[in-house]
Each structure stands twice: as C-alpha cells, then as structure tokens.
N, C-alpha and C. Protein backbone atom coordinates (compact mmCIF):
# COMPACT_ATOMS: atom_id res chain seq x y z
N UNK A 1 173.65 132.17 168.81
CA UNK A 1 173.85 133.17 167.76
C UNK A 1 175.33 133.53 167.67
N UNK A 2 175.82 133.68 166.44
CA UNK A 2 177.19 134.10 166.20
C UNK A 2 177.23 135.55 165.75
N UNK A 3 178.41 136.14 165.84
CA UNK A 3 178.63 137.52 165.43
C UNK A 3 179.53 137.52 164.20
N UNK A 4 179.10 138.20 163.14
CA UNK A 4 179.89 138.30 161.92
C UNK A 4 180.07 139.76 161.55
N UNK A 5 181.32 140.17 161.37
CA UNK A 5 181.68 141.55 161.07
C UNK A 5 182.37 141.60 159.71
N UNK A 6 181.89 142.46 158.85
CA UNK A 6 182.46 142.63 157.52
C UNK A 6 183.11 144.00 157.40
N UNK A 7 184.37 144.03 156.98
CA UNK A 7 184.95 145.25 156.44
C UNK A 7 184.28 145.50 155.09
N UNK A 8 184.41 146.69 154.56
CA UNK A 8 183.77 147.02 153.29
C UNK A 8 184.76 147.10 152.14
N UNK A 9 185.62 148.12 152.16
CA UNK A 9 186.44 148.43 151.00
C UNK A 9 187.53 147.39 150.79
N UNK A 10 187.54 146.80 149.60
CA UNK A 10 188.48 145.73 149.30
C UNK A 10 188.03 144.38 149.80
N UNK A 11 187.02 144.36 150.66
CA UNK A 11 186.51 143.11 151.24
C UNK A 11 185.22 142.70 150.56
N UNK A 12 184.16 143.49 150.76
CA UNK A 12 182.91 143.25 150.05
C UNK A 12 182.85 144.00 148.72
N UNK A 13 183.60 145.09 148.62
CA UNK A 13 183.71 145.83 147.36
C UNK A 13 185.10 145.63 146.78
N UNK A 14 185.22 145.55 145.46
CA UNK A 14 186.54 145.36 144.84
C UNK A 14 187.32 146.66 144.67
N UNK A 15 186.93 147.70 145.39
CA UNK A 15 187.62 148.98 145.35
C UNK A 15 187.36 149.69 146.68
N UNK A 16 188.01 150.85 146.86
CA UNK A 16 187.83 151.64 148.07
C UNK A 16 186.78 152.71 147.80
N UNK A 17 185.64 152.63 148.49
CA UNK A 17 184.53 153.53 148.20
C UNK A 17 184.86 154.98 148.54
N UNK A 18 185.62 155.21 149.59
CA UNK A 18 185.99 156.57 149.98
C UNK A 18 186.83 157.23 148.89
N UNK A 19 187.88 156.54 148.47
CA UNK A 19 188.75 157.06 147.42
C UNK A 19 187.99 157.22 146.12
N UNK A 20 187.14 156.24 145.80
CA UNK A 20 186.39 156.28 144.54
C UNK A 20 185.39 157.43 144.53
N UNK A 21 184.75 157.71 145.67
CA UNK A 21 183.81 158.82 145.73
C UNK A 21 184.54 160.14 145.52
N UNK A 22 185.72 160.26 146.09
CA UNK A 22 186.52 161.46 145.87
C UNK A 22 186.85 161.65 144.40
N UNK A 23 187.28 160.58 143.72
CA UNK A 23 187.59 160.69 142.31
C UNK A 23 186.34 161.00 141.49
N UNK A 24 185.21 160.44 141.90
CA UNK A 24 183.94 160.72 141.23
C UNK A 24 183.61 162.20 141.31
N UNK A 25 183.85 162.81 142.47
CA UNK A 25 183.58 164.24 142.63
C UNK A 25 184.54 165.08 141.78
N UNK A 26 185.78 164.64 141.67
CA UNK A 26 186.72 165.32 140.77
C UNK A 26 186.21 165.24 139.33
N UNK A 27 185.81 164.04 138.92
CA UNK A 27 185.36 163.83 137.54
C UNK A 27 184.14 164.67 137.20
N UNK A 28 183.33 165.00 138.23
CA UNK A 28 182.11 165.78 137.98
C UNK A 28 182.26 167.24 138.40
N UNK A 29 183.48 167.68 138.60
CA UNK A 29 183.75 169.09 138.80
C UNK A 29 183.45 169.64 140.18
N UNK A 30 183.26 168.74 141.16
CA UNK A 30 182.99 169.19 142.52
C UNK A 30 184.27 169.42 143.32
N UNK A 31 185.36 168.94 142.85
CA UNK A 31 186.65 169.09 143.54
C UNK A 31 187.67 169.63 142.54
N UNK A 32 188.75 170.14 143.06
CA UNK A 32 189.67 170.96 142.28
C UNK A 32 190.67 170.14 141.48
N UNK A 33 190.16 169.38 140.55
CA UNK A 33 190.96 168.74 139.51
C UNK A 33 192.15 167.94 139.99
N UNK A 34 193.26 168.09 139.28
CA UNK A 34 194.44 167.24 139.47
C UNK A 34 195.02 167.38 140.87
N UNK A 35 195.05 168.57 141.42
CA UNK A 35 195.65 168.76 142.75
C UNK A 35 194.84 168.01 143.81
N UNK A 36 193.51 168.12 143.74
CA UNK A 36 192.66 167.43 144.71
C UNK A 36 192.79 165.93 144.54
N UNK A 37 192.81 165.47 143.30
CA UNK A 37 192.94 164.04 143.03
C UNK A 37 194.27 163.51 143.56
N UNK A 38 195.34 164.29 143.43
CA UNK A 38 196.64 163.86 143.92
C UNK A 38 196.63 163.73 145.44
N UNK A 39 195.99 164.67 146.11
CA UNK A 39 195.89 164.58 147.58
C UNK A 39 195.03 163.37 147.99
N UNK A 40 193.97 163.14 147.24
CA UNK A 40 193.13 161.97 147.49
C UNK A 40 193.95 160.69 147.36
N UNK A 41 194.77 160.62 146.32
CA UNK A 41 195.63 159.45 146.11
C UNK A 41 196.63 159.29 147.26
N UNK A 42 197.17 160.41 147.74
CA UNK A 42 198.16 160.33 148.82
C UNK A 42 197.51 159.86 150.12
N UNK A 43 196.33 160.36 150.41
CA UNK A 43 195.63 159.87 151.61
C UNK A 43 195.36 158.37 151.51
N UNK A 44 194.98 157.91 150.33
CA UNK A 44 194.72 156.48 150.15
C UNK A 44 196.00 155.68 150.34
N UNK A 45 197.12 156.18 149.82
CA UNK A 45 198.41 155.51 150.03
C UNK A 45 198.76 155.46 151.51
N UNK A 46 198.48 156.54 152.23
CA UNK A 46 198.74 156.57 153.67
C UNK A 46 197.87 155.52 154.38
N UNK A 47 196.62 155.40 153.95
CA UNK A 47 195.74 154.38 154.55
C UNK A 47 196.31 152.98 154.31
N UNK A 48 196.71 152.69 153.09
CA UNK A 48 197.25 151.37 152.77
C UNK A 48 198.50 151.07 153.57
N UNK A 49 199.26 152.12 153.88
CA UNK A 49 200.50 151.96 154.66
C UNK A 49 200.24 151.96 156.16
N UNK A 50 198.98 152.09 156.57
CA UNK A 50 198.64 152.11 157.99
C UNK A 50 199.03 153.40 158.68
N UNK A 51 199.16 154.50 157.91
CA UNK A 51 199.63 155.77 158.46
C UNK A 51 198.65 156.92 158.25
N UNK A 52 197.38 156.59 158.03
CA UNK A 52 196.41 157.63 157.71
C UNK A 52 196.13 158.53 158.91
N UNK A 53 196.18 159.84 158.69
CA UNK A 53 195.70 160.83 159.66
C UNK A 53 194.20 160.95 159.42
N UNK A 54 193.42 160.24 160.21
CA UNK A 54 191.99 160.13 159.95
C UNK A 54 191.29 161.48 160.01
N UNK A 55 191.65 162.30 161.00
CA UNK A 55 190.99 163.61 161.14
C UNK A 55 191.28 164.49 159.93
N UNK A 56 192.52 164.51 159.49
CA UNK A 56 192.88 165.32 158.32
C UNK A 56 192.18 164.81 157.08
N UNK A 57 192.08 163.50 156.96
CA UNK A 57 191.43 162.94 155.78
C UNK A 57 189.94 163.27 155.75
N UNK A 58 189.27 163.15 156.87
CA UNK A 58 187.83 163.45 156.90
C UNK A 58 187.59 164.91 156.53
N UNK A 59 188.41 165.82 157.05
CA UNK A 59 188.27 167.23 156.71
C UNK A 59 188.45 167.43 155.21
N UNK A 60 189.45 166.76 154.64
CA UNK A 60 189.71 166.86 153.21
C UNK A 60 188.59 166.22 152.39
N UNK A 61 188.24 164.97 152.71
CA UNK A 61 187.31 164.22 151.87
C UNK A 61 185.92 164.85 151.84
N UNK A 62 185.49 165.40 152.96
CA UNK A 62 184.15 166.01 153.00
C UNK A 62 184.13 167.42 152.44
N UNK A 63 185.31 168.00 152.24
CA UNK A 63 185.37 169.39 151.77
C UNK A 63 184.76 169.55 150.38
N UNK A 64 184.73 168.48 149.61
CA UNK A 64 184.22 168.56 148.24
C UNK A 64 182.70 168.63 148.18
N UNK A 65 182.02 168.27 149.28
CA UNK A 65 180.55 168.23 149.20
C UNK A 65 179.83 168.84 150.41
N UNK A 66 180.50 169.01 151.53
CA UNK A 66 179.75 169.36 152.75
C UNK A 66 179.20 170.78 152.75
N UNK A 67 179.74 171.66 151.91
CA UNK A 67 179.23 173.03 151.89
C UNK A 67 178.05 173.20 150.92
N UNK A 68 177.73 172.17 150.19
CA UNK A 68 176.60 172.22 149.28
C UNK A 68 175.31 171.87 150.02
N UNK A 69 174.17 172.26 149.51
CA UNK A 69 172.91 171.84 150.13
C UNK A 69 172.85 170.31 150.21
N UNK A 70 172.38 169.81 151.35
CA UNK A 70 172.39 168.37 151.56
C UNK A 70 171.65 167.59 150.47
N UNK A 71 170.48 168.03 150.01
CA UNK A 71 169.81 167.28 148.93
C UNK A 71 170.67 167.17 147.66
N UNK A 72 171.45 168.22 147.38
CA UNK A 72 172.33 168.19 146.21
C UNK A 72 173.45 167.17 146.42
N UNK A 73 174.02 167.15 147.62
CA UNK A 73 175.08 166.17 147.91
C UNK A 73 174.54 164.76 147.87
N UNK A 74 173.34 164.57 148.40
CA UNK A 74 172.73 163.24 148.39
C UNK A 74 172.42 162.78 146.97
N UNK A 75 172.03 163.71 146.11
CA UNK A 75 171.76 163.36 144.72
C UNK A 75 173.04 162.93 144.02
N UNK A 76 174.15 163.61 144.31
CA UNK A 76 175.43 163.21 143.72
C UNK A 76 175.86 161.85 144.27
N UNK A 77 175.61 161.61 145.55
CA UNK A 77 175.92 160.30 146.13
C UNK A 77 175.11 159.20 145.44
N UNK A 78 173.86 159.46 145.12
CA UNK A 78 173.05 158.46 144.43
C UNK A 78 173.58 158.20 143.02
N UNK A 79 174.08 159.23 142.36
CA UNK A 79 174.72 159.01 141.06
C UNK A 79 175.95 158.11 141.21
N UNK A 80 176.71 158.33 142.27
CA UNK A 80 177.87 157.48 142.56
C UNK A 80 177.44 156.04 142.79
N UNK A 81 176.36 155.86 143.53
CA UNK A 81 175.84 154.51 143.76
C UNK A 81 175.46 153.86 142.43
N UNK A 82 174.74 154.60 141.59
CA UNK A 82 174.23 154.03 140.34
C UNK A 82 175.34 153.76 139.33
N UNK A 83 176.34 154.65 139.28
CA UNK A 83 177.34 154.55 138.22
C UNK A 83 178.59 153.78 138.63
N UNK A 84 178.87 153.72 139.93
CA UNK A 84 180.12 153.10 140.38
C UNK A 84 179.87 151.91 141.30
N UNK A 85 179.07 152.12 142.36
CA UNK A 85 178.96 151.09 143.39
C UNK A 85 178.12 149.91 142.93
N UNK A 86 176.90 150.15 142.49
CA UNK A 86 176.04 149.01 142.14
C UNK A 86 176.64 148.15 141.03
N UNK A 87 177.27 148.73 140.00
CA UNK A 87 177.92 147.87 139.01
C UNK A 87 179.09 147.07 139.59
N UNK A 88 179.62 147.51 140.75
CA UNK A 88 180.74 146.81 141.37
C UNK A 88 180.36 145.78 142.40
N UNK A 89 179.05 145.60 142.64
CA UNK A 89 178.61 144.60 143.61
C UNK A 89 178.74 143.20 142.98
N UNK A 90 179.46 142.33 143.65
CA UNK A 90 179.67 140.97 143.15
C UNK A 90 178.73 140.00 143.83
N UNK A 91 178.24 139.04 143.05
CA UNK A 91 177.34 138.03 143.60
C UNK A 91 178.00 137.26 144.73
N UNK A 92 179.30 136.97 144.62
CA UNK A 92 179.99 136.21 145.68
C UNK A 92 179.93 136.95 147.00
N UNK A 93 180.11 138.27 146.96
CA UNK A 93 180.08 139.06 148.19
C UNK A 93 178.68 139.11 148.77
N UNK A 94 177.69 139.33 147.92
CA UNK A 94 176.32 139.38 148.42
C UNK A 94 175.87 138.02 148.96
N UNK A 95 176.30 136.96 148.31
CA UNK A 95 175.93 135.61 148.78
C UNK A 95 176.56 135.30 150.13
N UNK A 96 177.78 135.77 150.33
CA UNK A 96 178.46 135.55 151.61
C UNK A 96 177.69 136.24 152.74
N UNK A 97 177.29 137.48 152.51
CA UNK A 97 176.51 138.20 153.52
C UNK A 97 175.20 137.47 153.80
N UNK A 98 174.50 137.11 152.74
CA UNK A 98 173.21 136.44 152.92
C UNK A 98 173.35 135.11 153.65
N UNK A 99 174.44 134.41 153.40
CA UNK A 99 174.65 133.12 154.06
C UNK A 99 174.74 133.29 155.58
N UNK A 100 175.45 134.30 156.02
CA UNK A 100 175.56 134.53 157.47
C UNK A 100 174.24 135.03 158.04
N UNK A 101 173.53 135.84 157.29
CA UNK A 101 172.23 136.31 157.77
C UNK A 101 171.25 135.14 157.88
N UNK A 102 171.27 134.24 156.89
CA UNK A 102 170.37 133.09 156.90
C UNK A 102 170.68 132.14 158.05
N UNK A 103 171.94 132.12 158.47
CA UNK A 103 172.34 131.27 159.59
C UNK A 103 171.93 131.86 160.94
N UNK A 104 171.39 133.08 160.92
CA UNK A 104 170.95 133.71 162.16
C UNK A 104 172.02 134.53 162.85
N UNK A 105 173.14 134.78 162.18
CA UNK A 105 174.20 135.58 162.78
C UNK A 105 173.75 137.03 162.96
N UNK A 106 174.31 137.68 163.96
CA UNK A 106 174.22 139.13 164.07
C UNK A 106 175.31 139.69 163.18
N UNK A 107 174.92 140.44 162.15
CA UNK A 107 175.84 140.88 161.10
C UNK A 107 175.97 142.40 161.13
N UNK A 108 177.20 142.89 161.00
CA UNK A 108 177.43 144.33 160.90
C UNK A 108 178.50 144.61 159.86
N UNK A 109 178.36 145.75 159.23
CA UNK A 109 179.39 146.29 158.35
C UNK A 109 180.20 147.27 159.18
N UNK A 110 181.50 147.04 159.28
CA UNK A 110 182.37 147.85 160.14
C UNK A 110 183.46 148.45 159.26
N UNK A 111 183.38 149.75 159.02
CA UNK A 111 184.23 150.37 158.01
C UNK A 111 184.85 151.67 158.51
N UNK A 112 186.04 151.96 158.02
CA UNK A 112 186.71 153.22 158.32
C UNK A 112 186.27 154.35 157.40
N UNK A 113 185.39 154.04 156.46
CA UNK A 113 184.83 155.06 155.58
C UNK A 113 183.64 155.72 156.28
N UNK A 114 183.41 156.99 155.97
CA UNK A 114 182.40 157.74 156.72
C UNK A 114 180.97 157.30 156.39
N UNK A 115 180.07 157.64 157.30
CA UNK A 115 178.67 157.21 157.22
C UNK A 115 177.94 157.77 156.01
N UNK A 116 178.30 158.97 155.55
CA UNK A 116 177.62 159.56 154.40
C UNK A 116 177.83 158.70 153.16
N UNK A 117 179.05 158.24 152.95
CA UNK A 117 179.37 157.42 151.79
C UNK A 117 178.80 156.01 151.93
N UNK A 118 178.86 155.46 153.13
CA UNK A 118 178.61 154.03 153.29
C UNK A 118 177.18 153.63 153.62
N UNK A 119 176.36 154.55 154.11
CA UNK A 119 174.99 154.17 154.47
C UNK A 119 174.23 153.53 153.31
N UNK A 120 174.25 154.11 152.10
CA UNK A 120 173.53 153.45 151.01
C UNK A 120 174.21 152.17 150.54
N UNK A 121 175.51 152.03 150.78
CA UNK A 121 176.20 150.79 150.38
C UNK A 121 175.78 149.66 151.31
N UNK A 122 175.71 149.93 152.61
CA UNK A 122 175.21 148.92 153.55
C UNK A 122 173.81 148.49 153.15
N UNK A 123 172.96 149.45 152.78
CA UNK A 123 171.60 149.11 152.37
C UNK A 123 171.60 148.25 151.11
N UNK A 124 172.52 148.52 150.20
CA UNK A 124 172.58 147.74 148.96
C UNK A 124 172.95 146.28 149.24
N UNK A 125 173.71 146.06 150.29
CA UNK A 125 174.06 144.69 150.70
C UNK A 125 172.99 144.07 151.59
N UNK A 126 171.99 144.85 151.98
CA UNK A 126 170.97 144.34 152.89
C UNK A 126 171.46 144.18 154.31
N UNK A 127 172.48 144.97 154.70
CA UNK A 127 173.04 144.89 156.05
C UNK A 127 172.41 146.00 156.90
N UNK A 128 171.73 145.59 157.95
CA UNK A 128 171.02 146.56 158.80
C UNK A 128 171.96 147.40 159.64
N UNK A 129 173.00 146.79 160.17
CA UNK A 129 173.84 147.46 161.16
C UNK A 129 175.12 147.97 160.50
N UNK A 130 175.30 149.28 160.53
CA UNK A 130 176.49 149.94 159.97
C UNK A 130 177.26 150.62 161.08
N UNK A 131 178.53 150.28 161.18
CA UNK A 131 179.46 150.96 162.09
C UNK A 131 180.49 151.64 161.19
N UNK A 132 180.36 152.95 161.06
CA UNK A 132 181.20 153.73 160.17
C UNK A 132 181.72 154.95 160.92
N UNK A 133 182.63 155.68 160.30
CA UNK A 133 183.09 156.93 160.89
C UNK A 133 181.92 157.91 160.90
N UNK A 134 181.59 158.40 162.08
CA UNK A 134 180.46 159.32 162.23
C UNK A 134 180.95 160.76 162.06
N UNK A 135 180.14 161.55 161.37
CA UNK A 135 180.51 162.92 161.04
C UNK A 135 179.79 163.90 161.96
N UNK A 136 180.57 164.80 162.52
CA UNK A 136 180.00 165.83 163.39
C UNK A 136 179.18 166.82 162.58
N UNK A 137 178.11 167.30 163.20
CA UNK A 137 177.29 168.34 162.58
C UNK A 137 177.29 169.61 163.43
N UNK A 138 177.20 170.73 162.74
CA UNK A 138 177.08 172.01 163.43
C UNK A 138 175.65 172.17 163.95
N UNK A 139 175.41 173.24 164.71
CA UNK A 139 174.09 173.47 165.28
C UNK A 139 173.01 173.59 164.21
N UNK A 140 173.38 174.07 163.03
CA UNK A 140 172.40 174.24 161.96
C UNK A 140 172.24 172.98 161.11
N UNK A 141 172.92 171.88 161.51
CA UNK A 141 172.77 170.62 160.80
C UNK A 141 173.81 170.36 159.74
N UNK A 142 174.62 171.36 159.40
CA UNK A 142 175.65 171.17 158.39
C UNK A 142 176.78 170.31 158.94
N UNK A 143 177.41 169.54 158.06
CA UNK A 143 178.57 168.75 158.46
C UNK A 143 179.77 169.68 158.67
N UNK A 144 180.51 169.42 159.75
CA UNK A 144 181.60 170.31 160.13
C UNK A 144 182.94 169.96 159.49
N UNK A 145 183.08 168.71 159.03
CA UNK A 145 184.37 168.24 158.55
C UNK A 145 185.19 167.58 159.63
N UNK A 146 184.57 167.40 160.80
CA UNK A 146 185.25 166.74 161.91
C UNK A 146 184.57 165.40 162.23
N UNK A 147 185.31 164.56 162.92
CA UNK A 147 184.81 163.24 163.33
C UNK A 147 184.07 163.39 164.65
N UNK A 148 182.97 162.68 164.76
CA UNK A 148 182.24 162.61 166.01
C UNK A 148 182.55 161.28 166.70
N UNK A 149 183.06 161.37 167.92
CA UNK A 149 183.34 160.16 168.68
C UNK A 149 184.58 159.42 168.20
N UNK A 150 184.61 158.14 168.47
CA UNK A 150 185.76 157.29 168.14
C UNK A 150 185.64 156.83 166.69
N UNK A 151 186.64 157.10 165.87
CA UNK A 151 186.55 156.62 164.49
C UNK A 151 186.70 155.10 164.42
N UNK A 152 185.93 154.49 163.55
CA UNK A 152 186.00 153.04 163.36
C UNK A 152 187.17 152.71 162.45
N UNK A 153 188.36 152.86 162.99
CA UNK A 153 189.61 152.69 162.24
C UNK A 153 190.61 152.01 163.15
N UNK A 154 191.26 150.97 162.63
CA UNK A 154 192.24 150.19 163.39
C UNK A 154 191.62 149.74 164.71
N UNK A 155 192.28 149.96 165.85
CA UNK A 155 191.74 149.48 167.13
C UNK A 155 190.42 150.14 167.50
N UNK A 156 190.14 151.30 166.89
CA UNK A 156 188.87 151.96 167.14
C UNK A 156 187.68 151.12 166.71
N UNK A 157 187.90 150.20 165.78
CA UNK A 157 186.79 149.32 165.37
C UNK A 157 186.33 148.45 166.55
N UNK A 158 187.25 148.00 167.37
CA UNK A 158 186.87 147.18 168.52
C UNK A 158 186.04 148.00 169.50
N UNK A 159 186.50 149.21 169.77
CA UNK A 159 185.75 150.10 170.67
C UNK A 159 184.34 150.33 170.17
N UNK A 160 184.22 150.61 168.88
CA UNK A 160 182.90 150.90 168.31
C UNK A 160 182.01 149.65 168.29
N UNK A 161 182.59 148.49 167.99
CA UNK A 161 181.78 147.26 167.98
C UNK A 161 181.27 146.97 169.38
N UNK A 162 182.12 147.10 170.37
CA UNK A 162 181.68 146.83 171.74
C UNK A 162 180.57 147.81 172.15
N UNK A 163 180.69 149.06 171.79
CA UNK A 163 179.65 150.04 172.13
C UNK A 163 178.34 149.71 171.42
N UNK A 164 178.43 149.31 170.16
CA UNK A 164 177.24 148.92 169.40
C UNK A 164 176.56 147.71 170.03
N UNK A 165 177.37 146.71 170.38
CA UNK A 165 176.81 145.52 171.02
C UNK A 165 176.12 145.87 172.33
N UNK A 166 176.75 146.73 173.12
CA UNK A 166 176.17 147.14 174.40
C UNK A 166 174.82 147.81 174.18
N UNK A 167 174.72 148.61 173.13
CA UNK A 167 173.45 149.26 172.84
C UNK A 167 172.34 148.30 172.47
N UNK A 168 172.74 147.11 171.98
CA UNK A 168 171.77 146.07 171.66
C UNK A 168 171.52 145.11 172.82
N UNK A 169 172.21 145.37 173.94
CA UNK A 169 172.06 144.48 175.09
C UNK A 169 172.91 143.24 175.02
N UNK A 170 173.98 143.29 174.22
CA UNK A 170 174.88 142.14 174.08
C UNK A 170 176.27 142.49 174.59
N UNK A 171 177.05 141.46 174.81
CA UNK A 171 178.49 141.60 175.05
C UNK A 171 179.21 140.72 174.05
N UNK A 172 180.45 141.08 173.75
CA UNK A 172 181.29 140.28 172.85
C UNK A 172 181.31 138.83 173.32
N UNK A 173 181.41 138.66 174.62
CA UNK A 173 181.57 137.32 175.20
C UNK A 173 180.29 136.48 175.11
N UNK A 174 179.19 137.07 174.70
CA UNK A 174 177.92 136.33 174.60
C UNK A 174 177.89 135.38 173.41
N UNK A 175 178.77 135.58 172.44
CA UNK A 175 178.67 134.85 171.18
C UNK A 175 179.57 133.63 171.17
N UNK A 176 179.02 132.51 170.70
CA UNK A 176 179.80 131.27 170.61
C UNK A 176 180.95 131.43 169.63
N UNK A 177 180.68 132.09 168.50
CA UNK A 177 181.71 132.36 167.50
C UNK A 177 181.64 133.82 167.09
N UNK A 178 182.80 134.42 166.92
CA UNK A 178 182.88 135.77 166.38
C UNK A 178 183.77 135.71 165.15
N UNK A 179 183.36 136.37 164.10
CA UNK A 179 184.05 136.23 162.81
C UNK A 179 184.24 137.61 162.19
N UNK A 180 185.38 137.81 161.55
CA UNK A 180 185.66 139.06 160.86
C UNK A 180 186.25 138.76 159.50
N UNK A 181 185.72 139.42 158.48
CA UNK A 181 186.25 139.35 157.12
C UNK A 181 186.90 140.69 156.79
N UNK A 182 188.15 140.68 156.40
CA UNK A 182 188.83 141.92 156.02
C UNK A 182 189.98 141.65 155.06
N UNK A 183 190.30 142.69 154.29
CA UNK A 183 191.41 142.62 153.33
C UNK A 183 192.66 143.33 153.82
N UNK A 184 192.56 144.08 154.92
CA UNK A 184 193.57 145.09 155.24
C UNK A 184 194.30 144.85 156.56
N UNK A 185 195.62 145.09 156.58
CA UNK A 185 196.35 145.04 157.85
C UNK A 185 195.86 146.07 158.87
N UNK A 186 195.17 147.12 158.41
CA UNK A 186 194.59 148.08 159.35
C UNK A 186 193.60 147.41 160.28
N UNK A 187 193.06 146.27 159.84
CA UNK A 187 192.06 145.57 160.66
C UNK A 187 192.66 144.44 161.49
N UNK A 188 193.97 144.39 161.62
CA UNK A 188 194.57 143.34 162.45
C UNK A 188 194.03 143.35 163.88
N UNK A 189 193.83 144.50 164.52
CA UNK A 189 193.29 144.44 165.88
C UNK A 189 191.94 143.71 165.94
N UNK A 190 191.07 143.98 164.97
CA UNK A 190 189.76 143.32 164.97
C UNK A 190 189.90 141.85 164.57
N UNK A 191 190.73 141.55 163.60
CA UNK A 191 190.94 140.17 163.20
C UNK A 191 191.49 139.34 164.36
N UNK A 192 192.38 139.93 165.12
CA UNK A 192 192.98 139.21 166.25
C UNK A 192 191.99 139.06 167.42
N UNK A 193 190.97 139.92 167.45
CA UNK A 193 190.03 139.88 168.57
C UNK A 193 188.93 138.84 168.40
N UNK A 194 188.68 138.40 167.16
CA UNK A 194 187.59 137.45 166.91
C UNK A 194 188.11 136.02 166.98
N UNK A 195 187.17 135.09 167.11
CA UNK A 195 187.57 133.68 167.16
C UNK A 195 187.85 133.11 165.78
N UNK A 196 187.27 133.72 164.73
CA UNK A 196 187.41 133.20 163.37
C UNK A 196 187.76 134.35 162.41
N UNK A 197 189.04 134.72 162.32
CA UNK A 197 189.44 135.74 161.35
C UNK A 197 189.52 135.13 159.94
N UNK A 198 189.10 135.91 158.95
CA UNK A 198 189.17 135.46 157.56
C UNK A 198 189.81 136.58 156.73
N UNK A 199 190.99 136.33 156.22
CA UNK A 199 191.64 137.29 155.34
C UNK A 199 190.95 137.22 153.98
N UNK A 200 190.30 138.29 153.58
CA UNK A 200 189.42 138.27 152.42
C UNK A 200 189.96 139.20 151.34
N UNK A 201 190.28 138.64 150.18
CA UNK A 201 190.96 139.41 149.12
C UNK A 201 192.15 140.17 149.72
N UNK A 202 193.00 139.49 150.48
CA UNK A 202 193.95 140.23 151.33
C UNK A 202 195.05 140.92 150.54
N UNK A 203 195.52 142.03 151.11
CA UNK A 203 196.74 142.65 150.62
C UNK A 203 197.89 141.67 150.83
N UNK A 204 199.02 141.85 150.13
CA UNK A 204 200.14 140.95 150.35
C UNK A 204 200.58 140.86 151.81
N UNK A 205 200.55 142.00 152.51
CA UNK A 205 200.98 141.99 153.92
C UNK A 205 200.02 141.18 154.77
N UNK A 206 198.71 141.37 154.56
CA UNK A 206 197.76 140.61 155.36
C UNK A 206 197.78 139.14 154.99
N UNK A 207 197.97 138.84 153.72
CA UNK A 207 198.03 137.43 153.32
C UNK A 207 199.21 136.73 153.98
N UNK A 208 200.36 137.41 154.05
CA UNK A 208 201.51 136.81 154.71
C UNK A 208 201.22 136.55 156.18
N UNK A 209 200.56 137.50 156.84
CA UNK A 209 200.19 137.31 158.24
C UNK A 209 199.23 136.15 158.39
N UNK A 210 198.22 136.10 157.52
CA UNK A 210 197.22 135.03 157.59
C UNK A 210 197.86 133.66 157.41
N UNK A 211 198.74 133.54 156.44
CA UNK A 211 199.37 132.24 156.19
C UNK A 211 200.25 131.84 157.37
N UNK A 212 200.93 132.81 157.97
CA UNK A 212 201.81 132.48 159.09
C UNK A 212 201.03 132.05 160.33
N UNK A 213 199.76 132.51 160.42
CA UNK A 213 198.95 132.20 161.60
C UNK A 213 197.90 131.12 161.33
N UNK A 214 197.87 130.62 160.12
CA UNK A 214 196.90 129.58 159.79
C UNK A 214 195.49 130.06 159.61
N UNK A 215 195.32 131.35 159.32
CA UNK A 215 193.98 131.90 159.06
C UNK A 215 193.55 131.53 157.64
N UNK A 216 192.26 131.30 157.43
CA UNK A 216 191.80 131.04 156.06
C UNK A 216 191.90 132.31 155.20
N UNK A 217 192.15 132.08 153.93
CA UNK A 217 192.21 133.16 152.95
C UNK A 217 191.08 132.95 151.95
N UNK A 218 190.26 133.97 151.78
CA UNK A 218 189.10 133.90 150.90
C UNK A 218 189.25 134.94 149.80
N UNK A 219 189.00 134.52 148.57
CA UNK A 219 189.06 135.46 147.43
C UNK A 219 187.68 135.51 146.80
N UNK A 220 187.03 136.65 146.94
CA UNK A 220 185.68 136.81 146.41
C UNK A 220 185.65 137.28 144.97
N UNK A 221 186.72 137.91 144.52
CA UNK A 221 186.68 138.56 143.22
C UNK A 221 187.59 137.91 142.19
N UNK A 222 188.13 136.75 142.49
CA UNK A 222 189.05 136.07 141.55
C UNK A 222 188.28 135.57 140.34
C-alpha cells in the first residue's frame, strides 16, 4: 500500500477555500464590509508569502461566524458549498483522487484551512481522512477562535500526518511509496519528506523549485 497526501487550496481546488469563505461572508453581510475584506486579503497575501500568523488568522477568520448559533453557521457553510465550492470542482482533480483510491492507496487531504470549512469539501471529493487545522471549543461547545493542537501548516503537516498514521497503526516508513500533491511553497517540508513530490498547479516559486529538483509538475486546471 502507498500513501498519497493532497493539499487542498490551489491543488485540488482552483482557489483558496479559506479566503473565499471569508469573502462569501462579507458578501452576505456576516462580516464588516470593506475593512474585513481588506484584512482577509492581507492574511491571504501573508500566507502566499510564507509569513502567515496562523493563530491570528484563525481568530480573525472564525470571528465572522463563531458567535452565531452553530446550525446557522452550518447553513451558511452549505450555501458556500453549493454556490462556490461545488461549481469549482474539476473533473481532473476528482479523477486524480479516485485513481489513487482505486489503486488501494491510503489517501488523506492535508490542509492548513480549518476543519469547519474543509470537512464538507473533503466529503465532496470522497476523501475519508481529513487533516486540517482543528478548532478549540469552549466548555459549552462554542468555538473559541483558537487552534487546538498542532496546526497543519508548513512543517506542522508532517507532525500531524505522523500522528494520524500512528492512530491508524501505521508508520511513515511502512509505505513503499509516499506521494504529496501541492501548489504551495508552504508545503516544501511535506514535499521534501515524501518519496514522490508532485508540484500541482504550482506557484512560480514552487515551480522553480520543482524544475531545479526534477520534480514532476502537474496542471489540473489548464
């Protein structure tokens, strides 16, 4: 059995789901208009530059919905899925996932976006295992705006993957081949850790790295 790990935003999706969900909440009056949108854009720019303050971003990004009743937030998330995410699912991306599943690979979606946003997206791709940023809850069940545990971001993705594998009774070293698909230099630690890195719809910086190292470059949305 082989291990296949997929990044989400920019890799299987042609946009960033975290940033897009924030803009969706602005568009529907859940966040404070232009000022909130500008901060959302700045956090996204920081992410692209590899300089994201993950804790500050989670506090900001969840602030638009975490104080609302959970069923109301979930209903808005389903509108986001119906109006933004599902129309953005590409056959090439879904076929790639299915191909690895059909080959018997252990497949996981490993994303720096939080679990609230990404759980239904993983389900839409038919991916059982989701490794996402986990959100802390207060004693009454409300989301606190803080991260629980190690965020699945940059080198934290390796920590989280190893912990997930251990929970399944596996070790990284058990797999004949390990593969990672990603578009972002933020995932260089994970790409460097696998036996088969694939730069997928890569940013210019990641594409330059991939070409210099002889990694394959895959374009799903061309």
